[in-house]
């Protein structure tokens, strides 16, 4: 079994308030959750135009976790209000 942790930095250029940012993030988090992953905002909560989202996934196949950043990127690119800045990933085998 493998665990993947992903740190995603997002820029929301048209956001002029935390409420506007929250609207974009809620939409993104719901779409990302459809990939069967856990999603949470993990940094930048007080910034209007930037966000850091953490995504976690578990799989028996390391290939699925290696491919997940491409799927995450695809979801974010379909959201016109957000721009993907960076995805960092850490995939490791689970300790038994």
PDB file of N, CA and C in Angstrom:
ATOM      1  N   UNK A   1       0.847  -1.165   0.000  1.00  0.00           N
ATOM      2  CA  UNK A   1       0.000   0.000   0.000  1.00  0.00           C
ATOM      3  C   UNK A   1       0.901   1.239   0.000  1.00  0.00           C
ATOM      4  N   UNK A   2       0.461   2.270  -0.728  1.00  0.00           N
ATOM      5  CA  UNK A   2       1.228   3.505  -0.851  1.00  0.00           C
ATOM      6  C   UNK A   2       0.375   4.700  -0.456  1.00  0.00           C
ATOM      7  N   UNK A   3       1.055   5.739   0.044  1.00  0.00           N
ATOM      8  CA  UNK A   3       0.401   6.981   0.437  1.00  0.00           C
ATOM      9  C   UNK A   3       0.997   8.116  -0.380  1.00  0.00           C
ATOM     10  N   UNK A   4       0.128   8.961  -0.920  1.00  0.00           N
ATOM     11  CA  UNK A   4       0.579  10.135  -1.658  1.00  0.00           C
ATOM     12  C   UNK A   4       0.093  11.399  -0.973  1.00  0.00           C
ATOM     13  N   UNK A   5       1.000  12.352  -0.798  1.00  0.00           N
ATOM     14  CA  UNK A   5       0.648  13.664  -0.250  1.00  0.00           C
ATOM     15  C   UNK A   5       1.070  14.707  -1.275  1.00  0.00           C
ATOM     16  N   UNK A   6       0.181  15.639  -1.564  1.00  0.00           N
ATOM     17  CA  UNK A   6       0.405  16.635  -2.604  1.00  0.00           C
ATOM     18  C   UNK A   6       0.122  18.026  -2.044  1.00  0.00           C
ATOM     19  N   UNK A   7       1.019  18.946  -2.336  1.00  0.00           N
ATOM     20  CA  UNK A   7       0.862  20.347  -1.924  1.00  0.00           C
ATOM     21  C   UNK A   7       0.657  21.162  -3.194  1.00  0.00           C
ATOM     22  N   UNK A   8      -0.485  21.827  -3.303  1.00  0.00           N
ATOM     23  CA  UNK A   8      -0.868  22.523  -4.522  1.00  0.00           C
ATOM     24  C   UNK A   8      -1.004  24.012  -4.229  1.00  0.00           C
ATOM     25  N   UNK A   9      -0.228  24.818  -4.944  1.00  0.00           N
ATOM     26  CA  UNK A   9      -0.302  26.269  -4.803  1.00  0.00           C
ATOM     27  C   UNK A   9      -1.141  26.829  -5.944  1.00  0.00           C
ATOM     28  N   UNK A  10      -2.080  27.690  -5.582  1.00  0.00           N
ATOM     29  CA  UNK A  10      -3.040  28.228  -6.542  1.00  0.00           C
ATOM     30  C   UNK A  10      -3.080  29.751  -6.429  1.00  0.00           C
ATOM     31  N   UNK A  11      -3.211  30.402  -7.580  1.00  0.00           N
ATOM     32  CA  UNK A  11      -3.382  31.847  -7.657  1.00  0.00           C
ATOM     33  C   UNK A  11      -4.797  32.119  -8.160  1.00  0.00           C
ATOM     34  N   UNK A  12      -5.502  33.019  -7.487  1.00  0.00           N
ATOM     35  CA  UNK A  12      -6.879  33.371  -7.844  1.00  0.00           C
ATOM     36  C   UNK A  12      -6.892  34.871  -8.141  1.00  0.00           C
ATOM     37  N   UNK A  13      -6.557  35.271  -9.375  1.00  0.00           N
ATOM     38  CA  UNK A  13      -6.310  36.680  -9.679  1.00  0.00           C
ATOM     39  C   UNK A  13      -7.493  37.621  -9.487  1.00  0.00           C
ATOM     40  N   UNK A  14      -8.699  37.184  -9.735  1.00  0.00           N
ATOM     41  CA  UNK A  14      -9.854  38.078  -9.644  1.00  0.00           C
ATOM     42  C   UNK A  14     -10.438  38.174  -8.240  1.00  0.00           C
ATOM     43  N   UNK A  15      -9.902  37.437  -7.311  1.00  0.00           N
ATOM     44  CA  UNK A  15     -10.445  37.450  -5.945  1.00  0.00           C
ATOM     45  C   UNK A  15     -10.114  38.777  -5.268  1.00  0.00           C
ATOM     46  N   UNK A  16     -11.155  39.422  -4.749  1.00  0.00           N
ATOM     47  CA  UNK A  16     -10.959  40.683  -4.040  1.00  0.00           C
ATOM     48  C   UNK A  16     -11.425  40.609  -2.587  1.00  0.00           C
ATOM     49  N   UNK A  17     -11.649  39.377  -2.123  1.00  0.00           N
ATOM     50  CA  UNK A  17     -12.042  39.178  -0.729  1.00  0.00           C
ATOM     51  C   UNK A  17     -11.838  37.706  -0.365  1.00  0.00           C
ATOM     52  N   UNK A  18     -11.861  37.438   0.920  1.00  0.00           N
ATOM     53  CA  UNK A  18     -11.764  36.049   1.362  1.00  0.00           C
ATOM     54  C   UNK A  18     -13.001  35.260   0.953  1.00  0.00           C
ATOM     55  N   UNK A  19     -14.146  35.945   0.910  1.00  0.00           N
ATOM     56  CA  UNK A  19     -15.383  35.288   0.496  1.00  0.00           C
ATOM     57  C   UNK A  19     -15.295  34.836  -0.969  1.00  0.00           C
ATOM     58  N   UNK A  20     -14.748  35.670  -1.837  1.00  0.00           N
ATOM     59  CA  UNK A  20     -14.585  35.307  -3.248  1.00  0.00           C
ATOM     60  C   UNK A  20     -13.607  34.142  -3.383  1.00  0.00           C
ATOM     61  N   UNK A  21     -12.520  34.191  -2.625  1.00  0.00           N
ATOM     62  CA  UNK A  21     -11.536  33.102  -2.646  1.00  0.00           C
ATOM     63  C   UNK A  21     -12.185  31.801  -2.184  1.00  0.00           C
ATOM     64  N   UNK A  22     -12.956  31.864  -1.117  1.00  0.00           N
ATOM     65  CA  UNK A  22     -13.607  30.680  -0.556  1.00  0.00           C
ATOM     66  C   UNK A  22     -14.553  30.031  -1.577  1.00  0.00           C
ATOM     67  N   UNK A  23     -15.221  30.860  -2.382  1.00  0.00           N
ATOM     68  CA  UNK A  23     -16.121  30.337  -3.408  1.00  0.00           C
ATOM     69  C   UNK A  23     -15.354  29.503  -4.431  1.00  0.00           C
ATOM     70  N   UNK A  24     -14.219  29.999  -4.879  1.00  0.00           N
ATOM     71  CA  UNK A  24     -13.392  29.275  -5.844  1.00  0.00           C
ATOM     72  C   UNK A  24     -12.868  27.990  -5.211  1.00  0.00           C
ATOM     73  N   UNK A  25     -12.367  28.083  -3.983  1.00  0.00           N
ATOM     74  CA  UNK A  25     -11.795  26.911  -3.325  1.00  0.00           C
ATOM     75  C   UNK A  25     -12.840  25.838  -3.046  1.00  0.00           C
ATOM     76  N   UNK A  26     -14.028  26.237  -2.649  1.00  0.00           N
ATOM     77  CA  UNK A  26     -15.083  25.247  -2.399  1.00  0.00           C
ATOM     78  C   UNK A  26     -15.389  24.462  -3.672  1.00  0.00           C
ATOM     79  N   UNK A  27     -15.442  25.163  -4.790  1.00  0.00           N
ATOM     80  CA  UNK A  27     -15.693  24.502  -6.068  1.00  0.00           C
ATOM     81  C   UNK A  27     -14.555  23.538  -6.416  1.00  0.00           C
ATOM     82  N   UNK A  28     -13.322  24.001  -6.273  1.00  0.00           N
ATOM     83  CA  UNK A  28     -12.172  23.151  -6.573  1.00  0.00           C
ATOM     84  C   UNK A  28     -12.099  21.939  -5.652  1.00  0.00           C
ATOM     85  N   UNK A  29     -12.330  22.159  -4.371  1.00  0.00           N
ATOM     86  CA  UNK A  29     -12.256  21.053  -3.416  1.00  0.00           C
ATOM     87  C   UNK A  29     -13.301  19.983  -3.727  1.00  0.00           C
ATOM     88  N   UNK A  30     -14.499  20.397  -4.126  1.00  0.00           N
ATOM     89  CA  UNK A  30     -15.551  19.439  -4.467  1.00  0.00           C
ATOM     90  C   UNK A  30     -15.163  18.637  -5.707  1.00  0.00           C
ATOM     91  N   UNK A  31     -14.588  19.312  -6.698  1.00  0.00           N
ATOM     92  CA  UNK A  31     -14.179  18.611  -7.924  1.00  0.00           C
ATOM     93  C   UNK A  31     -13.006  17.666  -7.660  1.00  0.00           C
ATOM     94  N   UNK A  32     -12.062  18.102  -6.849  1.00  0.00           N
ATOM     95  CA  UNK A  32     -10.918  17.242  -6.524  1.00  0.00           C
ATOM     96  C   UNK A  32     -11.360  16.031  -5.704  1.00  0.00           C
ATOM     97  N   UNK A  33     -12.336  16.214  -4.833  1.00  0.00           N
ATOM     98  CA  UNK A  33     -12.820  15.103  -4.009  1.00  0.00           C
ATOM     99  C   UNK A  33     -13.405  13.983  -4.868  1.00  0.00           C
ATOM    100  N   UNK A  34     -13.838  14.298  -6.078  1.00  0.00           N
ATOM    101  CA  UNK A  34     -14.361  13.272  -6.984  1.00  0.00           C
ATOM    102  C   UNK A  34     -13.263  12.312  -7.448  1.00  0.00           C
ATOM    103  N   UNK A  35     -11.998  12.683  -7.217  1.00  0.00           N
ATOM    104  CA  UNK A  35     -10.883  11.800  -7.530  1.00  0.00           C
ATOM    105  C   UNK A  35     -10.614  10.799  -6.400  1.00  0.00           C
ATOM    106  N   UNK A  36     -11.505  10.756  -5.404  1.00  0.00           N
ATOM    107  CA  UNK A  36     -11.372   9.872  -4.242  1.00  0.00           C
ATOM    108  C   UNK A  36     -10.117  10.193  -3.430  1.00  0.00           C
ATOM    109  N   UNK A  37      -9.952  11.470  -3.138  1.00  0.00           N
ATOM    110  CA  UNK A  37      -8.838  11.949  -2.330  1.00  0.00           C
ATOM    111  C   UNK A  37      -9.392  12.818  -1.207  1.00  0.00           C
ATOM    112  N   UNK A  38      -8.573  13.033  -0.187  1.00  0.00           N
ATOM    113  CA  UNK A  38      -8.923  13.978   0.874  1.00  0.00           C
ATOM    114  C   UNK A  38      -8.314  15.322   0.499  1.00  0.00           C
ATOM    115  N   UNK A  39      -9.076  16.403   0.705  1.00  0.00           N
ATOM    116  CA  UNK A  39      -8.651  17.739   0.282  1.00  0.00           C
ATOM    117  C   UNK A  39      -8.893  18.731   1.411  1.00  0.00           C
ATOM    118  N   UNK A  40      -7.901  19.622   1.645  1.00  0.00           N
ATOM    119  CA  UNK A  40      -8.061  20.675   2.647  1.00  0.00           C
ATOM    120  C   UNK A  40      -7.170  21.858   2.289  1.00  0.00           C
ATOM    121  N   UNK A  41      -7.633  23.066   2.630  1.00  0.00           N
ATOM    122  CA  UNK A  41      -6.770  24.238   2.512  1.00  0.00           C
ATOM    123  C   UNK A  41      -5.802  24.191   3.688  1.00  0.00           C
ATOM    124  N   UNK A  42      -4.509  24.245   3.407  1.00  0.00           N
ATOM    125  CA  UNK A  42      -3.518  24.033   4.458  1.00  0.00           C
ATOM    126  C   UNK A  42      -2.638  25.253   4.745  1.00  0.00           C
ATOM    127  N   UNK A  43      -2.717  26.285   3.908  1.00  0.00           N
ATOM    128  CA  UNK A  43      -1.899  27.480   4.137  1.00  0.00           C
ATOM    129  C   UNK A  43      -2.484  28.637   3.343  1.00  0.00           C
ATOM    130  N   UNK A  44      -2.132  29.846   3.761  1.00  0.00           N
ATOM    131  CA  UNK A  44      -2.574  31.040   3.055  1.00  0.00           C
ATOM    132  C   UNK A  44      -4.028  31.394   3.295  1.00  0.00           C
ATOM    133  N   UNK A  45      -4.585  30.933   4.397  1.00  0.00           N
ATOM    134  CA  UNK A  45      -6.003  31.175   4.660  1.00  0.00           C
ATOM    135  C   UNK A  45      -6.355  32.657   4.763  1.00  0.00           C
ATOM    136  N   UNK A  46      -5.394  33.495   5.115  1.00  0.00           N
ATOM    137  CA  UNK A  46      -5.671  34.923   5.273  1.00  0.00           C
ATOM    138  C   UNK A  46      -5.350  35.740   4.020  1.00  0.00           C
ATOM    139  N   UNK A  47      -4.910  35.084   2.949  1.00  0.00           N
ATOM    140  CA  UNK A  47      -4.592  35.774   1.698  1.00  0.00           C
ATOM    141  C   UNK A  47      -5.786  35.718   0.749  1.00  0.00           C
ATOM    142  N   UNK A  48      -6.023  36.780   0.010  1.00  0.00           N
ATOM    143  CA  UNK A  48      -7.175  36.850  -0.883  1.00  0.00           C
ATOM    144  C   UNK A  48      -6.957  36.130  -2.203  1.00  0.00           C
ATOM    145  N   UNK A  49      -5.743  36.166  -2.729  1.00  0.00           N
ATOM    146  CA  UNK A  49      -5.531  35.671  -4.079  1.00  0.00           C
ATOM    147  C   UNK A  49      -4.647  34.420  -4.168  1.00  0.00           C
ATOM    148  N   UNK A  50      -4.195  33.929  -3.061  1.00  0.00           N
ATOM    149  CA  UNK A  50      -3.347  32.727  -3.082  1.00  0.00           C
ATOM    150  C   UNK A  50      -3.907  31.706  -2.103  1.00  0.00           C
ATOM    151  N   UNK A  51      -3.713  30.438  -2.467  1.00  0.00           N
ATOM    152  CA  UNK A  51      -4.162  29.361  -1.590  1.00  0.00           C
ATOM    153  C   UNK A  51      -3.205  28.189  -1.739  1.00  0.00           C
ATOM    154  N   UNK A  52      -3.099  27.432  -0.671  1.00  0.00           N
ATOM    155  CA  UNK A  52      -2.348  26.181  -0.701  1.00  0.00           C
ATOM    156  C   UNK A  52      -3.313  25.086  -0.256  1.00  0.00           C
ATOM    157  N   UNK A  53      -3.478  24.109  -1.135  1.00  0.00           N
ATOM    158  CA  UNK A  53      -4.377  22.987  -0.861  1.00  0.00           C
ATOM    159  C   UNK A  53      -3.536  21.740  -0.660  1.00  0.00           C
ATOM    160  N   UNK A  54      -3.883  20.971   0.347  1.00  0.00           N
ATOM    161  CA  UNK A  54      -3.258  19.676   0.570  1.00  0.00           C
ATOM    162  C   UNK A  54      -4.198  18.586   0.080  1.00  0.00           C
ATOM    163  N   UNK A  55      -3.633  17.604  -0.603  1.00  0.00           N
ATOM    164  CA  UNK A  55      -4.405  16.459  -1.089  1.00  0.00           C
ATOM    165  C   UNK A  55      -3.693  15.200  -0.606  1.00  0.00           C
ATOM    166  N   UNK A  56      -4.460  14.242  -0.114  1.00  0.00           N
ATOM    167  CA  UNK A  56      -3.901  12.970   0.341  1.00  0.00           C
ATOM    168  C   UNK A  56      -4.664  11.826  -0.313  1.00  0.00           C
ATOM    169  N   UNK A  57      -3.917  10.783  -0.668  1.00  0.00           N
ATOM    170  CA  UNK A  57      -4.532   9.614  -1.306  1.00  0.00           C
ATOM    171  C   UNK A  57      -3.783   8.355  -0.889  1.00  0.00           C
ATOM    172  N   UNK A  58      -4.500   7.253  -0.895  1.00  0.00           N
ATOM    173  CA  UNK A  58      -3.931   5.935  -0.585  1.00  0.00           C
ATOM    174  C   UNK A  58      -4.290   5.008  -1.731  1.00  0.00           C
ATOM    175  N   UNK A  59      -3.312   4.183  -2.142  1.00  0.00           N
ATOM    176  CA  UNK A  59      -3.572   3.246  -3.238  1.00  0.00           C
ATOM    177  C   UNK A  59      -2.662   2.034  -3.110  1.00  0.00           C
ATOM    178  N   UNK A  60      -3.124   0.937  -3.639  1.00  0.00           N
ATOM    179  CA  UNK A  60      -2.296  -0.264  -3.720  1.00  0.00           C
ATOM    180  C   UNK A  60      -1.331  -0.204  -4.895  1.00  0.00           C
ATOM    181  N   UNK A  61      -1.553   0.747  -5.791  1.00  0.00           N
ATOM    182  CA  UNK A  61      -0.736   0.893  -6.994  1.00  0.00           C
ATOM    183  C   UNK A  61       0.017   2.224  -6.948  1.00  0.00           C
ATOM    184  N   UNK A  62       1.335   2.184  -6.945  1.00  0.00           N
ATOM    185  CA  UNK A  62       2.120   3.418  -6.933  1.00  0.00           C
ATOM    186  C   UNK A  62       1.905   4.206  -8.221  1.00  0.00           C
ATOM    187  N   UNK A  63       1.623   3.537  -9.315  1.00  0.00           N
ATOM    188  CA  UNK A  63       1.384   4.206 -10.591  1.00  0.00           C
ATOM    189  C   UNK A  63       0.209   5.165 -10.537  1.00  0.00           C
ATOM    190  N   UNK A  64      -0.846   4.782  -9.803  1.00  0.00           N
ATOM    191  CA  UNK A  64      -2.007   5.662  -9.651  1.00  0.00           C
ATOM    192  C   UNK A  64      -1.594   6.957  -8.958  1.00  0.00           C
ATOM    193  N   UNK A  65      -0.792   6.834  -7.915  1.00  0.00           N
ATOM    194  CA  UNK A  65      -0.366   8.018  -7.168  1.00  0.00           C
ATOM    195  C   UNK A  65       0.611   8.878  -7.970  1.00  0.00           C
ATOM    196  N   UNK A  66       1.406   8.244  -8.818  1.00  0.00           N
ATOM    197  CA  UNK A  66       2.311   9.000  -9.683  1.00  0.00           C
ATOM    198  C   UNK A  66       1.542   9.772 -10.750  1.00  0.00           C
ATOM    199  N   UNK A  67       0.411   9.249 -11.185  1.00  0.00           N
ATOM    200  CA  UNK A  67      -0.414   9.879 -12.215  1.00  0.00           C
ATOM    201  C   UNK A  67      -1.353  10.942 -11.636  1.00  0.00           C
ATOM    202  N   UNK A  68      -1.613  10.901 -10.343  1.00  0.00           N
ATOM    203  CA  UNK A  68      -2.572  11.794  -9.708  1.00  0.00           C
ATOM    204  C   UNK A  68      -2.270  13.278  -9.924  1.00  0.00           C
ATOM    205  N   UNK A  69      -1.021  13.748  -9.886  1.00  0.00           N
ATOM    206  CA  UNK A  69      -0.782  15.177 -10.148  1.00  0.00           C
ATOM    207  C   UNK A  69      -1.298  15.626 -11.520  1.00  0.00           C
ATOM    208  N   UNK A  70      -1.227  14.774 -12.514  1.00  0.00           N
ATOM    209  CA  UNK A  70      -1.767  15.125 -13.832  1.00  0.00           C
ATOM    210  C   UNK A  70      -3.281  15.294 -13.782  1.00  0.00           C
ATOM    211  N   UNK A  71      -3.946  14.444 -13.027  1.00  0.00           N
ATOM    212  CA  UNK A  71      -5.401  14.553 -12.875  1.00  0.00           C
ATOM    213  C   UNK A  71      -5.772  15.801 -12.092  1.00  0.00           C
ATOM    214  N   UNK A  72      -5.009  16.087 -11.036  1.00  0.00           N
ATOM    215  CA  UNK A  72      -5.244  17.296 -10.243  1.00  0.00           C
ATOM    216  C   UNK A  72      -5.072  18.535 -11.127  1.00  0.00           C
ATOM    217  N   UNK A  73      -4.003  18.555 -11.898  1.00  0.00           N
ATOM    218  CA  UNK A  73      -3.741  19.683 -12.794  1.00  0.00           C
ATOM    219  C   UNK A  73      -4.888  19.869 -13.791  1.00  0.00           C
ATOM    220  N   UNK A  74      -5.395  18.788 -14.321  1.00  0.00           N
ATOM    221  CA  UNK A  74      -6.492  18.852 -15.276  1.00  0.00           C
ATOM    222  C   UNK A  74      -7.742  19.474 -14.642  1.00  0.00           C
ATOM    223  N   UNK A  75      -8.045  19.086 -13.421  1.00  0.00           N
ATOM    224  CA  UNK A  75      -9.208  19.634 -12.718  1.00  0.00           C
ATOM    225  C   UNK A  75      -9.036  21.136 -12.508  1.00  0.00           C
ATOM    226  N   UNK A  76      -7.860  21.550 -12.067  1.00  0.00           N
ATOM    227  CA  UNK A  76      -7.630  22.968 -11.786  1.00  0.00           C
ATOM    228  C   UNK A  76      -7.641  23.788 -13.073  1.00  0.00           C
ATOM    229  N   UNK A  77      -7.119  23.254 -14.148  1.00  0.00           N
ATOM    230  CA  UNK A  77      -7.098  23.991 -15.417  1.00  0.00           C
ATOM    231  C   UNK A  77      -8.503  24.209 -15.971  1.00  0.00           C
ATOM    232  N   UNK A  78      -9.457  23.375 -15.591  1.00  0.00           N
ATOM    233  CA  UNK A  78     -10.839  23.561 -16.039  1.00  0.00           C
ATOM    234  C   UNK A  78     -11.572  24.627 -15.222  1.00  0.00           C
ATOM    235  N   UNK A  79     -10.945  25.147 -14.182  1.00  0.00           N
ATOM    236  CA  UNK A  79     -11.540  26.209 -13.367  1.00  0.00           C
ATOM    237  C   UNK A  79     -10.959  27.545 -13.839  1.00  0.00           C
ATOM    238  N   UNK A  80     -11.742  28.341 -14.577  1.00  0.00           N
ATOM    239  CA  UNK A  80     -11.207  29.573 -15.158  1.00  0.00           C
ATOM    240  C   UNK A  80     -10.811  30.634 -14.128  1.00  0.00           C
ATOM    241  N   UNK A  81     -11.314  30.525 -12.911  1.00  0.00           N
ATOM    242  CA  UNK A  81     -11.000  31.539 -11.897  1.00  0.00           C
ATOM    243  C   UNK A  81      -9.698  31.265 -11.166  1.00  0.00           C
ATOM    244  N   UNK A  82      -9.066  30.120 -11.426  1.00  0.00           N
ATOM    245  CA  UNK A  82      -7.854  29.737 -10.686  1.00  0.00           C
ATOM    246  C   UNK A  82      -6.720  29.398 -11.646  1.00  0.00           C
ATOM    247  N   UNK A  83      -5.509  29.668 -11.181  1.00  0.00           N
ATOM    248  CA  UNK A  83      -4.309  29.314 -11.942  1.00  0.00           C
ATOM    249  C   UNK A  83      -3.416  28.449 -11.060  1.00  0.00           C
ATOM    250  N   UNK A  84      -2.999  27.332 -11.597  1.00  0.00           N
ATOM    251  CA  UNK A  84      -2.096  26.439 -10.881  1.00  0.00           C
ATOM    252  C   UNK A  84      -0.688  27.008 -10.919  1.00  0.00           C
ATOM    253  N   UNK A  85      -0.075  27.157  -9.752  1.00  0.00           N
ATOM    254  CA  UNK A  85       1.294  27.646  -9.674  1.00  0.00           C
ATOM    255  C   UNK A  85       2.282  26.493  -9.550  1.00  0.00           C
ATOM    256  N   UNK A  86       1.947  25.511  -8.705  1.00  0.00           N
ATOM    257  CA  UNK A  86       2.893  24.421  -8.454  1.00  0.00           C
ATOM    258  C   UNK A  86       2.193  23.253  -7.765  1.00  0.00           C
ATOM    259  N   UNK A  87       2.675  22.056  -8.085  1.00  0.00           N
ATOM    260  CA  UNK A  87       2.263  20.846  -7.361  1.00  0.00           C
ATOM    261  C   UNK A  87       3.531  20.160  -6.875  1.00  0.00           C
ATOM    262  N   UNK A  88       3.599  19.928  -5.575  1.00  0.00           N
ATOM    263  CA  UNK A  88       4.689  19.141  -4.990  1.00  0.00           C
ATOM    264  C   UNK A  88       4.089  17.819  -4.544  1.00  0.00           C
ATOM    265  N   UNK A  89       4.843  16.744  -4.730  1.00  0.00           N
ATOM    266  CA  UNK A  89       4.287  15.448  -4.340  1.00  0.00           C
ATOM    267  C   UNK A  89       5.293  14.648  -3.532  1.00  0.00           C
ATOM    268  N   UNK A  90       4.740  13.801  -2.686  1.00  0.00           N
ATOM    269  CA  UNK A  90       5.534  12.884  -1.880  1.00  0.00           C
ATOM    270  C   UNK A  90       4.767  11.566  -1.830  1.00  0.00           C
ATOM    271  N   UNK A  91       5.306  10.543  -2.497  1.00  0.00           N
ATOM    272  CA  UNK A  91       4.670   9.231  -2.532  1.00  0.00           C
ATOM    273  C   UNK A  91       5.587   8.251  -1.830  1.00  0.00           C
ATOM    274  N   UNK A  92       5.027   7.520  -0.858  1.00  0.00           N
ATOM    275  CA  UNK A  92       5.818   6.590  -0.069  1.00  0.00           C
ATOM    276  C   UNK A  92       5.039   5.310   0.208  1.00  0.00           C
ATOM    277  N   UNK A  93       5.775   4.226   0.409  1.00  0.00           N
ATOM    278  CA  UNK A  93       5.091   3.003   0.843  1.00  0.00           C
ATOM    279  C   UNK A  93       4.661   3.149   2.308  1.00  0.00           C
ATOM    280  N   UNK A  94       3.524   2.538   2.633  1.00  0.00           N
ATOM    281  CA  UNK A  94       3.047   2.558   4.021  1.00  0.00           C
ATOM    282  C   UNK A  94       3.916   1.636   4.851  1.00  0.00           C
ATOM    283  N   UNK A  95       4.165   2.031   6.069  1.00  0.00           N
ATOM    284  CA  UNK A  95       4.892   1.181   6.998  1.00  0.00           C
ATOM    285  C   UNK A  95       3.951   0.082   7.489  1.00  0.00           C
ATOM    286  N   UNK A  96       4.444  -1.124   7.542  1.00  0.00           N
ATOM    287  CA  UNK A  96       3.594  -2.238   7.994  1.00  0.00           C
ATOM    288  C   UNK A  96       3.947  -2.675   9.377  1.00  0.00           C
TER     289      UNK A  96
END
